[in-house]
Structures are given as C-alpha cells and as structure tokens.
Amino acid sequence: MDNLWAPWRMSYILEEDKPEGCIFCMAIDGKGADGLVLGVGRLSLVMMNKYPYNNGHLLVAPKRHLPNMDQLTSEEMTDLLSTVRLAVGALKQVMNPEGFNVGLNLGRVAGAGIEEHMHFHVVPRWGGDTNFMTVFGDIRVIPEHIKATREKLKPFFAGMK
C-alpha cells in the first residue's frame, strides 16, 4: 500500500493557520500570503491558491476590498478580466492544461470562502484529474509542490505594475 503524505494539510483542517484579516489585502501590502503572490498591478492582483483544487490554481482579485461585482468601476472590471486572461495564458504555456474552470463565488451560500473580497478562481484542468481519490476519499492529489509551480509562473506576471 502507498501512503499519501501531506502533513501541511493538518493546520488547514484544524484552521490553525487561518490568517487574521483579508488575504488579498495583506498580499497587496506585501504581508502574509506565504510568498504566493505572483503579481500586483495598479487595480488587481494574482496569487496562488494555498489550498488548490489542482496544480496551478490561481486567485485573481481587485485591489479594492469589495464583496460584489456591482461595486467595481468599469476600469477595475476591465483590469480584473485582463488579469484573468493573463493568468489563463500563463497557465496554458507553463502547464499545458486541456481546459479551465474560471469563475467566482459571490456569497457564502454560493461557496465563497472569502466572501468579503471578491475574487476569481482560475483552475487548470486535465482529463482524468478527478479520480478515485477525489470521489471516494474527498482527497486531491497535487503532484507538484506549490513553490515549484510558483517559480514557473512568476515570470509571466513580472510586468504587472
């Protein structure tokens, strides 16, 4: 029998490493985010998801702390979607996925884990990436360390200013 060893998940399960405050606002200020910020632009930011569904799972958020899309200016919306497009393009080049899930969850009942600061999820997908581990054990296998993925993706976001 093979063992799946992921001791870093225990602090998440026990909610021991839940930061005080908004992870996106802290990322803008250069605090927190465990070095997972890929880029911060004038109006939006992109960072790795610390607890990804798949390798390369990115979060794209406006810099302004807003819970809903209707509060975004047209300029913020344009910048936010341009950053989502940049994230998809970077993932295509680095990870060669077969597809993507791109979306946002607005409100707790819609699945928002951080409902006070809206953000897009950009999740690369491959055929067969949902397997028996996910179906029977509610476990996802992430084959590459998040820091290795970060190093591959970081150059694509260097131009965000």
C-alpha atoms as a PDB file:
ATOM      1  CA  MET A   1       0.000   0.000   0.000  1.00  0.00           C
ATOM      2  CA  ASP A   2       1.212   3.507  -0.858  1.00  0.00           C
ATOM      3  CA  ASN A   3       0.847   6.351   1.613  1.00  0.00           C
ATOM      4  CA  LEU A   4      -0.295   9.826   0.705  1.00  0.00           C
ATOM      5  CA  TRP A   5       1.802  12.101   2.905  1.00  0.00           C
ATOM      6  CA  ALA A   6       0.597  15.702   3.240  1.00  0.00           C
ATOM      7  CA  PRO A   7       1.246  16.860   6.821  1.00  0.00           C
ATOM      8  CA  TRP A   8       0.929  20.532   5.822  1.00  0.00           C
ATOM      9  CA  ARG A   9      -2.842  19.983   5.363  1.00  0.00           C
ATOM     10  CA  MET A  10      -3.450  19.379   9.093  1.00  0.00           C
ATOM     11  CA  SER A  11      -3.110  23.061  10.015  1.00  0.00           C
ATOM     12  CA  TYR A  12      -5.707  23.847   7.322  1.00  0.00           C
ATOM     13  CA  ILE A  13      -8.081  21.141   8.556  1.00  0.00           C
ATOM     14  CA  LEU A  14      -7.767  22.416  12.124  1.00  0.00           C
ATOM     15  CA  GLU A  15      -7.905  26.033  10.888  1.00  0.00           C
ATOM     16  CA  GLU A  16      -4.710  26.787  12.811  1.00  0.00           C
ATOM     17  CA  ASP A  17      -3.140  28.804  10.012  1.00  0.00           C
ATOM     18  CA  LYS A  18      -6.161  30.951   9.152  1.00  0.00           C
ATOM     19  CA  PRO A  19      -4.803  34.498   8.924  1.00  0.00           C
ATOM     20  CA  GLU A  20      -6.353  37.446  10.718  1.00  0.00           C
ATOM     21  CA  GLY A  21      -7.703  39.799   8.076  1.00  0.00           C
ATOM     22  CA  CYS A  22      -8.155  39.599   4.337  1.00  0.00           C
ATOM     23  CA  ILE A  23      -5.551  37.536   2.458  1.00  0.00           C
ATOM     24  CA  PHE A  24      -5.903  39.724  -0.629  1.00  0.00           C
ATOM     25  CA  CYS A  25      -5.428  42.999   1.240  1.00  0.00           C
ATOM     26  CA  MET A  26      -2.430  41.538   3.077  1.00  0.00           C
ATOM     27  CA  ALA A  27      -0.985  40.381  -0.261  1.00  0.00           C
ATOM     28  CA  ILE A  28      -1.245  43.929  -1.649  1.00  0.00           C
ATOM     29  CA  ASP A  29       0.616  45.249   1.387  1.00  0.00           C
ATOM     30  CA  GLY A  30       3.312  42.585   0.971  1.00  0.00           C
ATOM     31  CA  LYS A  31       2.288  40.806   4.177  1.00  0.00           C
ATOM     32  CA  GLY A  32       1.182  37.224   4.517  1.00  0.00           C
ATOM     33  CA  ALA A  33       0.301  35.083   1.504  1.00  0.00           C
ATOM     34  CA  ASP A  34       3.338  32.852   2.204  1.00  0.00           C
ATOM     35  CA  GLY A  35       5.155  34.178  -0.859  1.00  0.00           C
ATOM     36  CA  LEU A  36       2.367  33.021  -3.158  1.00  0.00           C
ATOM     37  CA  VAL A  37       1.674  36.399  -4.775  1.00  0.00           C
ATOM     38  CA  LEU A  38       2.548  36.288  -8.467  1.00  0.00           C
ATOM     39  CA  GLY A  39       1.813  39.913  -9.328  1.00  0.00           C
ATOM     40  CA  VAL A  40       0.174  43.100  -8.102  1.00  0.00           C
ATOM     41  CA  GLY A  41      -0.940  45.622 -10.690  1.00  0.00           C
ATOM     42  CA  ARG A  42      -2.499  49.042 -10.426  1.00  0.00           C
ATOM     43  CA  LEU A  43      -6.045  47.684  -9.925  1.00  0.00           C
ATOM     44  CA  SER A  44      -5.791  43.904  -9.464  1.00  0.00           C
ATOM     45  CA  LEU A  45      -3.597  41.102  -8.212  1.00  0.00           C
ATOM     46  CA  VAL A  46      -2.970  37.421  -8.870  1.00  0.00           C
ATOM     47  CA  MET A  47      -1.767  34.826  -6.389  1.00  0.00           C
ATOM     48  CA  MET A  48      -1.502  31.081  -5.980  1.00  0.00           C
ATOM     49  CA  ASN A  49      -4.264  29.364  -4.037  1.00  0.00           C
ATOM     50  CA  LYS A  50      -2.609  27.955  -0.894  1.00  0.00           C
ATOM     51  CA  TYR A  51      -5.136  25.094  -0.876  1.00  0.00           C
ATOM     52  CA  PRO A  52      -5.568  24.334  -4.598  1.00  0.00           C
ATOM     53  CA  TYR A  53      -8.050  22.076  -6.341  1.00  0.00           C
ATOM     54  CA  ASN A  54      -5.374  21.351  -8.944  1.00  0.00           C
ATOM     55  CA  ASN A  55      -1.792  22.359  -9.633  1.00  0.00           C
ATOM     56  CA  GLY A  56      -1.746  25.953 -10.850  1.00  0.00           C
ATOM     57  CA  HIS A  57      -4.998  27.022  -9.143  1.00  0.00           C
ATOM     58  CA  LEU A  58      -4.799  30.833  -9.168  1.00  0.00           C
ATOM     59  CA  LEU A  59      -6.819  33.578  -7.488  1.00  0.00           C
ATOM     60  CA  VAL A  60      -7.371  36.919  -9.233  1.00  0.00           C
ATOM     61  CA  ALA A  61      -8.835  39.792  -7.204  1.00  0.00           C
ATOM     62  CA  PRO A  62      -9.399  43.514  -7.461  1.00  0.00           C
ATOM     63  CA  LYS A  63      -7.143  45.516  -5.174  1.00  0.00           C
ATOM     64  CA  ARG A  64     -10.124  47.301  -3.694  1.00  0.00           C
ATOM     65  CA  HIS A  65     -11.764  45.347  -0.862  1.00  0.00           C
ATOM     66  CA  LEU A  66     -15.221  44.669  -2.350  1.00  0.00           C
ATOM     67  CA  PRO A  67     -17.667  41.803  -1.873  1.00  0.00           C
ATOM     68  CA  ASN A  68     -19.567  42.175  -5.165  1.00  0.00           C
ATOM     69  CA  MET A  69     -19.038  42.877  -8.852  1.00  0.00           C
ATOM     70  CA  ASP A  70     -21.594  45.674  -8.957  1.00  0.00           C
ATOM     71  CA  GLN A  71     -19.260  47.880  -6.909  1.00  0.00           C
ATOM     72  CA  LEU A  72     -16.414  47.661  -9.446  1.00  0.00           C
ATOM     73  CA  THR A  73     -15.738  50.583 -11.736  1.00  0.00           C
ATOM     74  CA  SER A  74     -15.588  49.851 -15.460  1.00  0.00           C
ATOM     75  CA  GLU A  75     -11.829  50.338 -15.317  1.00  0.00           C
ATOM     76  CA  GLU A  76     -11.491  47.850 -12.444  1.00  0.00           C
ATOM     77  CA  MET A  77     -13.647  45.290 -14.266  1.00  0.00           C
ATOM     78  CA  THR A  78     -11.572  45.620 -17.430  1.00  0.00           C
ATOM     79  CA  ASP A  79      -8.323  45.286 -15.483  1.00  0.00           C
ATOM     80  CA  LEU A  80      -9.630  42.331 -13.485  1.00  0.00           C
ATOM     81  CA  LEU A  81     -10.712  40.394 -16.580  1.00  0.00           C
ATOM     82  CA  SER A  82      -7.449  41.261 -18.346  1.00  0.00           C
ATOM     83  CA  THR A  83      -5.612  39.778 -15.366  1.00  0.00           C
ATOM     84  CA  VAL A  84      -7.777  36.644 -15.560  1.00  0.00           C
ATOM     85  CA  ARG A  85      -6.844  36.390 -19.257  1.00  0.00           C
ATOM     86  CA  LEU A  86      -3.152  36.817 -18.344  1.00  0.00           C
ATOM     87  CA  ALA A  87      -3.483  34.026 -15.753  1.00  0.00           C
ATOM     88  CA  VAL A  88      -5.103  31.659 -18.268  1.00  0.00           C
ATOM     89  CA  GLY A  89      -2.382  32.429 -20.827  1.00  0.00           C
ATOM     90  CA  ALA A  90       0.418  31.818 -18.331  1.00  0.00           C
ATOM     91  CA  LEU A  91      -1.100  28.506 -17.242  1.00  0.00           C
ATOM     92  CA  LYS A  92      -1.521  27.419 -20.872  1.00  0.00           C
ATOM     93  CA  GLN A  93       2.169  27.998 -21.568  1.00  0.00           C
ATOM     94  CA  VAL A  94       3.525  26.533 -18.333  1.00  0.00           C
ATOM     95  CA  MET A  95       1.174  23.629 -17.649  1.00  0.00           C
ATOM     96  CA  ASN A  96      -0.487  22.795 -20.980  1.00  0.00           C
ATOM     97  CA  PRO A  97      -3.938  22.064 -19.499  1.00  0.00           C
ATOM     98  CA  GLU A  98      -6.767  20.649 -21.595  1.00  0.00           C
ATOM     99  CA  GLY A  99      -9.286  23.147 -20.199  1.00  0.00           C
ATOM    100  CA  PHE A 100     -10.074  25.567 -17.378  1.00  0.00           C
ATOM    101  CA  ASN A 101     -12.634  26.321 -14.733  1.00  0.00           C
ATOM    102  CA  VAL A 102     -12.801  30.108 -14.375  1.00  0.00           C
ATOM    103  CA  GLY A 103     -15.340  31.644 -12.042  1.00  0.00           C
ATOM    104  CA  LEU A 104     -16.216  33.395  -8.838  1.00  0.00           C
ATOM    105  CA  ASN A 105     -18.418  32.526  -5.906  1.00  0.00           C
ATOM    106  CA  LEU A 106     -20.359  35.511  -4.578  1.00  0.00           C
ATOM    107  CA  GLY A 107     -21.667  34.967  -1.048  1.00  0.00           C
ATOM    108  CA  ARG A 108     -21.149  32.179   1.481  1.00  0.00           C
ATOM    109  CA  VAL A 109     -24.075  30.075   0.196  1.00  0.00           C
ATOM    110  CA  ALA A 110     -22.520  30.173  -3.291  1.00  0.00           C
ATOM    111  CA  GLY A 111     -19.302  28.690  -1.916  1.00  0.00           C
ATOM    112  CA  ALA A 112     -17.256  31.820  -1.246  1.00  0.00           C
ATOM    113  CA  GLY A 113     -14.566  31.034   1.300  1.00  0.00           C
ATOM    114  CA  ILE A 114     -13.606  34.710   1.472  1.00  0.00           C
ATOM    115  CA  GLU A 115     -16.878  36.464   0.774  1.00  0.00           C
ATOM    116  CA  GLU A 116     -15.823  39.965   1.804  1.00  0.00           C
ATOM    117  CA  HIS A 117     -13.260  40.346  -1.037  1.00  0.00           C
ATOM    118  CA  MET A 118     -14.498  39.059  -4.402  1.00  0.00           C
ATOM    119  CA  HIS A 119     -12.042  37.021  -6.448  1.00  0.00           C
ATOM    120  CA  PHE A 120     -11.903  34.773  -9.481  1.00  0.00           C
ATOM    121  CA  HIS A 121     -10.647  31.200  -9.367  1.00  0.00           C
ATOM    122  CA  VAL A 122      -8.628  30.089 -12.389  1.00  0.00           C
ATOM    123  CA  VAL A 123      -8.230  26.310 -12.253  1.00  0.00           C
ATOM    124  CA  PRO A 124      -6.400  24.383 -14.993  1.00  0.00           C
ATOM    125  CA  ARG A 125      -7.992  21.020 -15.823  1.00  0.00           C
ATOM    126  CA  TRP A 126      -6.830  17.799 -17.443  1.00  0.00           C
ATOM    127  CA  GLY A 127      -8.783  14.726 -18.472  1.00  0.00           C
ATOM    128  CA  GLY A 128      -8.764  12.320 -15.540  1.00  0.00           C
ATOM    129  CA  ASP A 129      -7.755  14.907 -12.919  1.00  0.00           C
ATOM    130  CA  THR A 130     -10.757  13.797 -10.876  1.00  0.00           C
ATOM    131  CA  ASN A 131     -10.091  10.207  -9.908  1.00  0.00           C
ATOM    132  CA  PHE A 132     -10.991   7.670  -7.238  1.00  0.00           C
ATOM    133  CA  MET A 133      -9.087   9.637  -4.557  1.00  0.00           C
ATOM    134  CA  THR A 134     -11.414  12.610  -5.019  1.00  0.00           C
ATOM    135  CA  VAL A 135     -14.577  10.560  -5.445  1.00  0.00           C
ATOM    136  CA  PHE A 136     -14.109   8.114  -2.554  1.00  0.00           C
ATOM    137  CA  GLY A 137     -11.718   9.848  -0.188  1.00  0.00           C
ATOM    138  CA  ASP A 138     -12.538  13.528  -0.756  1.00  0.00           C
ATOM    139  CA  ILE A 139      -8.782  13.960  -1.312  1.00  0.00           C
ATOM    140  CA  ARG A 140      -6.986  15.684  -4.161  1.00  0.00           C
ATOM    141  CA  VAL A 141      -3.507  14.684  -5.190  1.00  0.00           C
ATOM    142  CA  ILE A 142      -1.340  17.671  -6.141  1.00  0.00           C
ATOM    143  CA  PRO A 143       1.757  16.222  -7.831  1.00  0.00           C
ATOM    144  CA  GLU A 144       3.968  19.334  -7.877  1.00  0.00           C
ATOM    145  CA  HIS A 145       4.984  21.435  -4.871  1.00  0.00           C
ATOM    146  CA  ILE A 146       3.225  24.811  -4.915  1.00  0.00           C
ATOM    147  CA  LYS A 147       6.538  26.690  -4.706  1.00  0.00           C
ATOM    148  CA  ALA A 148       7.841  24.907  -7.816  1.00  0.00           C
ATOM    149  CA  THR A 149       4.681  25.895  -9.695  1.00  0.00           C
ATOM    150  CA  ARG A 150       5.063  29.485  -8.424  1.00  0.00           C
ATOM    151  CA  GLU A 151       8.606  29.725  -9.796  1.00  0.00           C
ATOM    152  CA  LYS A 152       7.413  28.614 -13.238  1.00  0.00           C
ATOM    153  CA  LEU A 153       4.514  31.106 -13.297  1.00  0.00           C
ATOM    154  CA  LYS A 154       6.100  34.169 -11.647  1.00  0.00           C
ATOM    155  CA  PRO A 155       7.867  35.493 -14.793  1.00  0.00           C
ATOM    156  CA  PHE A 156       4.510  35.860 -16.600  1.00  0.00           C
ATOM    157  CA  PHE A 157       3.332  38.400 -14.025  1.00  0.00           C
ATOM    158  CA  ALA A 158       6.532  40.443 -13.682  1.00  0.00           C
ATOM    159  CA  GLY A 159       5.080  43.216 -15.854  1.00  0.00           C
ATOM    160  CA  MET A 160       2.116  43.915 -13.542  1.00  0.00           C
ATOM    161  CA  LYS A 161       2.649  47.409 -12.170  1.00  0.00           C
END
